[in-house]
Amino acid sequence: MLAQATSAAGTTRVIQAMLDDLHRHPGEWENHTLDRFLEALAAVLESHSTQDPGWQTVAAALLNASGYE
């Protein structure tokens, strides 16, 4: 899925796939509520040292935040 994230459009497809997965399998997501997801996303992004992340880094952070503990 991350291979698609080379542009804004590709990253949008990753996000749409994440939303579809959340709707189909909410119990499989560690962070299935918005507040938990955003907290996890902030933690994932804090751990990145990249000053100017590319689209794949953004998509990876979003994917990682769905299961970050």
PDB file of N, CA and C in Angstrom:
ATOM      1  N   MET A   1       0.826  -1.194   0.000  1.00  0.00           N
ATOM      2  CA  MET A   1       0.000   0.000   0.000  1.00  0.00           C
ATOM      3  C   MET A   1       0.870   1.258   0.000  1.00  0.00           C
ATOM      4  N   LEU A   2       1.967   1.245   0.745  1.00  0.00           N
ATOM      5  CA  LEU A   2       2.823   2.432   0.798  1.00  0.00           C
ATOM      6  C   LEU A   2       3.457   2.763  -0.546  1.00  0.00           C
ATOM      7  N   ALA A   3       3.606   1.777  -1.398  1.00  0.00           N
ATOM      8  CA  ALA A   3       4.208   2.025  -2.709  1.00  0.00           C
ATOM      9  C   ALA A   3       3.375   3.017  -3.525  1.00  0.00           C
ATOM     10  N   GLN A   4       2.079   3.115  -3.236  1.00  0.00           N
ATOM     11  CA  GLN A   4       1.201   4.059  -3.939  1.00  0.00           C
ATOM     12  C   GLN A   4       1.428   5.498  -3.492  1.00  0.00           C
ATOM     13  N   ALA A   5       2.025   5.685  -2.347  1.00  0.00           N
ATOM     14  CA  ALA A   5       2.092   7.007  -1.713  1.00  0.00           C
ATOM     15  C   ALA A   5       3.287   7.816  -2.210  1.00  0.00           C
ATOM     16  N   THR A   6       3.313   8.075  -3.518  1.00  0.00           N
ATOM     17  CA  THR A   6       4.391   8.879  -4.083  1.00  0.00           C
ATOM     18  C   THR A   6       3.913  10.282  -4.445  1.00  0.00           C
ATOM     19  N   SER A   7       2.642  10.547  -4.170  1.00  0.00           N
ATOM     20  CA  SER A   7       2.038  11.841  -4.484  1.00  0.00           C
ATOM     21  C   SER A   7       0.864  12.056  -3.535  1.00  0.00           C
ATOM     22  N   ALA A   8       0.282  13.244  -3.611  1.00  0.00           N
ATOM     23  CA  ALA A   8      -0.907  13.514  -2.798  1.00  0.00           C
ATOM     24  C   ALA A   8      -2.038  12.560  -3.179  1.00  0.00           C
ATOM     25  N   ALA A   9      -2.198  12.284  -4.455  1.00  0.00           N
ATOM     26  CA  ALA A   9      -3.265  11.382  -4.912  1.00  0.00           C
ATOM     27  C   ALA A   9      -3.032   9.967  -4.393  1.00  0.00           C
ATOM     28  N   GLY A  10      -1.798   9.504  -4.435  1.00  0.00           N
ATOM     29  CA  GLY A  10      -1.489   8.170  -3.925  1.00  0.00           C
ATOM     30  C   GLY A  10      -1.703   8.075  -2.428  1.00  0.00           C
ATOM     31  N   THR A  11      -1.316   9.115  -1.707  1.00  0.00           N
ATOM     32  CA  THR A  11      -1.518   9.138  -0.264  1.00  0.00           C
ATOM     33  C   THR A  11      -3.004   9.187   0.061  1.00  0.00           C
ATOM     34  N   THR A  12      -3.777   9.877  -0.747  1.00  0.00           N
ATOM     35  CA  THR A  12      -5.229   9.904  -0.581  1.00  0.00           C
ATOM     36  C   THR A  12      -5.806   8.500  -0.724  1.00  0.00           C
ATOM     37  N   ARG A  13      -5.296   7.723  -1.680  1.00  0.00           N
ATOM     38  CA  ARG A  13      -5.767   6.341  -1.851  1.00  0.00           C
ATOM     39  C   ARG A  13      -5.431   5.498  -0.623  1.00  0.00           C
ATOM     40  N   VAL A  14      -4.260   5.733  -0.040  1.00  0.00           N
ATOM     41  CA  VAL A  14      -3.881   5.016   1.193  1.00  0.00           C
ATOM     42  C   VAL A  14      -4.865   5.366   2.305  1.00  0.00           C
ATOM     43  N   ILE A  15      -5.176   6.635   2.460  1.00  0.00           N
ATOM     44  CA  ILE A  15      -6.106   7.080   3.503  1.00  0.00           C
ATOM     45  C   ILE A  15      -7.491   6.488   3.272  1.00  0.00           C
ATOM     46  N   GLN A  16      -7.942   6.477   2.038  1.00  0.00           N
ATOM     47  CA  GLN A  16      -9.250   5.888   1.727  1.00  0.00           C
ATOM     48  C   GLN A  16      -9.260   4.393   2.048  1.00  0.00           C
ATOM     49  N   ALA A  17      -8.164   3.707   1.758  1.00  0.00           N
ATOM     50  CA  ALA A  17      -8.076   2.278   2.083  1.00  0.00           C
ATOM     51  C   ALA A  17      -8.082   2.078   3.598  1.00  0.00           C
ATOM     52  N   MET A  18      -7.424   2.971   4.328  1.00  0.00           N
ATOM     53  CA  MET A  18      -7.436   2.896   5.785  1.00  0.00           C
ATOM     54  C   MET A  18      -8.850   3.067   6.319  1.00  0.00           C
ATOM     55  N   LEU A  19      -9.583   4.026   5.780  1.00  0.00           N
ATOM     56  CA  LEU A  19     -10.961   4.269   6.219  1.00  0.00           C
ATOM     57  C   LEU A  19     -11.835   3.051   5.936  1.00  0.00           C
ATOM     58  N   ASP A  20     -11.667   2.472   4.765  1.00  0.00           N
ATOM     59  CA  ASP A  20     -12.416   1.263   4.425  1.00  0.00           C
ATOM     60  C   ASP A  20     -12.076   0.135   5.405  1.00  0.00           C
ATOM     61  N   ASP A  21     -10.803  -0.035   5.708  1.00  0.00           N
ATOM     62  CA  ASP A  21     -10.386  -1.071   6.642  1.00  0.00           C
ATOM     63  C   ASP A  21     -10.950  -0.813   8.037  1.00  0.00           C
ATOM     64  N   LEU A  22     -10.949   0.444   8.475  1.00  0.00           N
ATOM     65  CA  LEU A  22     -11.513   0.788   9.781  1.00  0.00           C
ATOM     66  C   LEU A  22     -12.993   0.435   9.849  1.00  0.00           C
ATOM     67  N   HIS A  23     -13.728   0.732   8.787  1.00  0.00           N
ATOM     68  CA  HIS A  23     -15.161   0.410   8.761  1.00  0.00           C
ATOM     69  C   HIS A  23     -15.401  -1.097   8.768  1.00  0.00           C
ATOM     70  N   ARG A  24     -14.551  -1.838   8.081  1.00  0.00           N
ATOM     71  CA  ARG A  24     -14.726  -3.291   7.985  1.00  0.00           C
ATOM     72  C   ARG A  24     -14.208  -4.033   9.218  1.00  0.00           C
ATOM     73  N   HIS A  25     -13.135  -3.511   9.845  1.00  0.00           N
ATOM     74  CA  HIS A  25     -12.478  -4.231  10.934  1.00  0.00           C
ATOM     75  C   HIS A  25     -12.117  -3.304  12.098  1.00  0.00           C
ATOM     76  N   PRO A  26     -13.074  -2.606  12.679  1.00  0.00           N
ATOM     77  CA  PRO A  26     -12.728  -1.636  13.734  1.00  0.00           C
ATOM     78  C   PRO A  26     -12.053  -2.279  14.933  1.00  0.00           C
ATOM     79  N   GLY A  27     -12.382  -3.514  15.241  1.00  0.00           N
ATOM     80  CA  GLY A  27     -11.786  -4.179  16.389  1.00  0.00           C
ATOM     81  C   GLY A  27     -10.322  -4.526  16.207  1.00  0.00           C
ATOM     82  N   GLU A  28      -9.848  -4.500  14.971  1.00  0.00           N
ATOM     83  CA  GLU A  28      -8.446  -4.814  14.696  1.00  0.00           C
ATOM     84  C   GLU A  28      -7.541  -3.595  14.814  1.00  0.00           C
ATOM     85  N   TRP A  29      -8.129  -2.430  14.925  1.00  0.00           N
ATOM     86  CA  TRP A  29      -7.336  -1.202  15.056  1.00  0.00           C
ATOM     87  C   TRP A  29      -7.077  -0.941  16.536  1.00  0.00           C
ATOM     88  N   GLU A  30      -5.826  -0.712  16.867  1.00  0.00           N
ATOM     89  CA  GLU A  30      -5.470  -0.347  18.243  1.00  0.00           C
ATOM     90  C   GLU A  30      -6.077   1.016  18.588  1.00  0.00           C
ATOM     91  N   ASN A  31      -6.054   1.935  17.628  1.00  0.00           N
ATOM     92  CA  ASN A  31      -6.512   3.312  17.849  1.00  0.00           C
ATOM     93  C   ASN A  31      -7.674   3.615  16.909  1.00  0.00           C
ATOM     94  N   HIS A  32      -8.850   3.129  17.279  1.00  0.00           N
ATOM     95  CA  HIS A  32     -10.014   3.226  16.408  1.00  0.00           C
ATOM     96  C   HIS A  32     -10.893   4.446  16.673  1.00  0.00           C
ATOM     97  N   THR A  33     -10.536   5.267  17.659  1.00  0.00           N
ATOM     98  CA  THR A  33     -11.261   6.521  17.870  1.00  0.00           C
ATOM     99  C   THR A  33     -10.358   7.665  17.433  1.00  0.00           C
ATOM    100  N   LEU A  34     -10.966   8.783  17.087  1.00  0.00           N
ATOM    101  CA  LEU A  34     -10.184   9.913  16.579  1.00  0.00           C
ATOM    102  C   LEU A  34      -9.170  10.408  17.600  1.00  0.00           C
ATOM    103  N   ASP A  35      -9.560  10.533  18.852  1.00  0.00           N
ATOM    104  CA  ASP A  35      -8.608  11.051  19.841  1.00  0.00           C
ATOM    105  C   ASP A  35      -7.425  10.103  20.023  1.00  0.00           C
ATOM    106  N   ARG A  36      -7.679   8.805  20.074  1.00  0.00           N
ATOM    107  CA  ARG A  36      -6.572   7.848  20.217  1.00  0.00           C
ATOM    108  C   ARG A  36      -5.700   7.846  18.969  1.00  0.00           C
ATOM    109  N   PHE A  37      -6.326   7.922  17.794  1.00  0.00           N
ATOM    110  CA  PHE A  37      -5.566   7.943  16.556  1.00  0.00           C
ATOM    111  C   PHE A  37      -4.674   9.177  16.477  1.00  0.00           C
ATOM    112  N   LEU A  38      -5.230  10.343  16.805  1.00  0.00           N
ATOM    113  CA  LEU A  38      -4.438  11.574  16.733  1.00  0.00           C
ATOM    114  C   LEU A  38      -3.301  11.586  17.748  1.00  0.00           C
ATOM    115  N   GLU A  39      -3.534  11.056  18.943  1.00  0.00           N
ATOM    116  CA  GLU A  39      -2.457  10.934  19.924  1.00  0.00           C
ATOM    117  C   GLU A  39      -1.346  10.038  19.388  1.00  0.00           C
ATOM    118  N   ALA A  40      -1.729   8.929  18.793  1.00  0.00           N
ATOM    119  CA  ALA A  40      -0.742   8.006  18.234  1.00  0.00           C
ATOM    120  C   ALA A  40      -0.022   8.628  17.047  1.00  0.00           C
ATOM    121  N   LEU A  41      -0.744   9.348  16.203  1.00  0.00           N
ATOM    122  CA  LEU A  41      -0.131  10.001  15.054  1.00  0.00           C
ATOM    123  C   LEU A  41       0.911  11.018  15.514  1.00  0.00           C
ATOM    124  N   ALA A  42       0.585  11.790  16.537  1.00  0.00           N
ATOM    125  CA  ALA A  42       1.549  12.752  17.069  1.00  0.00           C
ATOM    126  C   ALA A  42       2.794  12.041  17.590  1.00  0.00           C
ATOM    127  N   ALA A  43       2.609  10.916  18.271  1.00  0.00           N
ATOM    128  CA  ALA A  43       3.750  10.162  18.792  1.00  0.00           C
ATOM    129  C   ALA A  43       4.596   9.589  17.658  1.00  0.00           C
ATOM    130  N   VAL A  44       3.949   9.074  16.627  1.00  0.00           N
ATOM    131  CA  VAL A  44       4.687   8.531  15.485  1.00  0.00           C
ATOM    132  C   VAL A  44       5.490   9.638  14.809  1.00  0.00           C
ATOM    133  N   LEU A  45       4.868  10.784  14.594  1.00  0.00           N
ATOM    134  CA  LEU A  45       5.562  11.888  13.928  1.00  0.00           C
ATOM    135  C   LEU A  45       6.699  12.444  14.779  1.00  0.00           C
ATOM    136  N   GLU A  46       6.530  12.458  16.097  1.00  0.00           N
ATOM    137  CA  GLU A  46       7.610  12.910  16.980  1.00  0.00           C
ATOM    138  C   GLU A  46       8.840  12.029  16.851  1.00  0.00           C
ATOM    139  N   SER A  47       8.634  10.764  16.563  1.00  0.00           N
ATOM    140  CA  SER A  47       9.758   9.834  16.474  1.00  0.00           C
ATOM    141  C   SER A  47      10.510   9.950  15.147  1.00  0.00           C
ATOM    142  N   HIS A  48       9.961  10.666  14.180  1.00  0.00           N
ATOM    143  CA  HIS A  48      10.631  10.857  12.886  1.00  0.00           C
ATOM    144  C   HIS A  48      11.561  12.060  12.969  1.00  0.00           C
ATOM    145  N   SER A  49      12.743  11.894  12.464  1.00  0.00           N
ATOM    146  CA  SER A  49      13.706  12.996  12.477  1.00  0.00           C
ATOM    147  C   SER A  49      13.724  13.756  11.158  1.00  0.00           C
ATOM    148  N   THR A  50      12.933  13.323  10.196  1.00  0.00           N
ATOM    149  CA  THR A  50      12.906  13.962   8.888  1.00  0.00           C
ATOM    150  C   THR A  50      12.279  15.344   8.987  1.00  0.00           C
ATOM    151  N   GLN A  51      12.997  16.328   8.501  1.00  0.00           N
ATOM    152  CA  GLN A  51      12.476  17.702   8.539  1.00  0.00           C
ATOM    153  C   GLN A  51      11.379  17.924   7.504  1.00  0.00           C
ATOM    154  N   ASP A  52      11.546  17.337   6.335  1.00  0.00           N
ATOM    155  CA  ASP A  52      10.585  17.529   5.257  1.00  0.00           C
ATOM    156  C   ASP A  52      10.181  16.161   4.729  1.00  0.00           C
ATOM    157  N   PRO A  53       9.196  15.530   5.385  1.00  0.00           N
ATOM    158  CA  PRO A  53       8.847  14.159   4.996  1.00  0.00           C
ATOM    159  C   PRO A  53       8.203  14.099   3.611  1.00  0.00           C
ATOM    160  N   GLY A  54       8.456  13.017   2.914  1.00  0.00           N
ATOM    161  CA  GLY A  54       7.808  12.779   1.628  1.00  0.00           C
ATOM    162  C   GLY A  54       6.445  12.147   1.849  1.00  0.00           C
ATOM    163  N   TRP A  55       5.738  11.933   0.756  1.00  0.00           N
ATOM    164  CA  TRP A  55       4.390  11.371   0.850  1.00  0.00           C
ATOM    165  C   TRP A  55       4.392   9.989   1.467  1.00  0.00           C
ATOM    166  N   GLN A  56       5.415   9.186   1.180  1.00  0.00           N
ATOM    167  CA  GLN A  56       5.470   7.847   1.770  1.00  0.00           C
ATOM    168  C   GLN A  56       5.653   7.922   3.283  1.00  0.00           C
ATOM    169  N   THR A  57       6.425   8.882   3.757  1.00  0.00           N
ATOM    170  CA  THR A  57       6.601   9.044   5.199  1.00  0.00           C
ATOM    171  C   THR A  57       5.291   9.445   5.858  1.00  0.00           C
ATOM    172  N   VAL A  58       4.557  10.340   5.216  1.00  0.00           N
ATOM    173  CA  VAL A  58       3.252  10.753   5.745  1.00  0.00           C
ATOM    174  C   VAL A  58       2.303   9.557   5.775  1.00  0.00           C
ATOM    175  N   ALA A  59       2.243   8.805   4.688  1.00  0.00           N
ATOM    176  CA  ALA A  59       1.356   7.643   4.638  1.00  0.00           C
ATOM    177  C   ALA A  59       1.777   6.597   5.668  1.00  0.00           C
ATOM    178  N   ALA A  60       3.081   6.383   5.824  1.00  0.00           N
ATOM    179  CA  ALA A  60       3.564   5.423   6.815  1.00  0.00           C
ATOM    180  C   ALA A  60       3.181   5.858   8.223  1.00  0.00           C
ATOM    181  N   ALA A  61       3.286   7.150   8.510  1.00  0.00           N
ATOM    182  CA  ALA A  61       2.904   7.657   9.835  1.00  0.00           C
ATOM    183  C   ALA A  61       1.424   7.426  10.093  1.00  0.00           C
ATOM    184  N   LEU A  62       0.602   7.656   9.087  1.00  0.00           N
ATOM    185  CA  LEU A  62      -0.835   7.435   9.231  1.00  0.00           C
ATOM    186  C   LEU A  62      -1.128   5.955   9.494  1.00  0.00           C
ATOM    187  N   LEU A  63      -0.503   5.089   8.723  1.00  0.00           N
ATOM    188  CA  LEU A  63      -0.709   3.652   8.913  1.00  0.00           C
ATOM    189  C   LEU A  63      -0.221   3.203  10.273  1.00  0.00           C
ATOM    190  N   ASN A  64       0.951   3.677  10.683  1.00  0.00           N
ATOM    191  CA  ASN A  64       1.496   3.294  11.982  1.00  0.00           C
ATOM    192  C   ASN A  64       0.630   3.771  13.130  1.00  0.00           C
ATOM    193  N   ALA A  65       0.007   4.922  12.978  1.00  0.00           N
ATOM    194  CA  ALA A  65      -0.820   5.473  14.048  1.00  0.00           C
ATOM    195  C   ALA A  65      -2.063   4.615  14.301  1.00  0.00           C
ATOM    196  N   SER A  66      -2.479   3.844  13.318  1.00  0.00           N
ATOM    197  CA  SER A  66      -3.665   3.008  13.536  1.00  0.00           C
ATOM    198  C   SER A  66      -3.401   1.903  14.546  1.00  0.00           C
ATOM    199  N   GLY A  67      -2.135   1.539  14.754  1.00  0.00           N
ATOM    200  CA  GLY A  67      -1.832   0.472  15.682  1.00  0.00           C
ATOM    201  C   GLY A  67      -0.812   0.817  16.737  1.00  0.00           C
ATOM    202  N   TYR A  68      -0.415   2.083  16.819  1.00  0.00           N
ATOM    203  CA  TYR A  68       0.599   2.522  17.785  1.00  0.00           C
ATOM    204  C   TYR A  68       0.049   2.448  19.204  1.00  0.00           C
ATOM    205  N   GLU A  69       0.845   1.900  20.115  1.00  0.00           N
ATOM    206  CA  GLU A  69       0.378   1.796  21.502  1.00  0.00           C
ATOM    207  C   GLU A  69       1.033   2.819  22.386  1.00  0.00           C
TER     208      GLU A  69
END
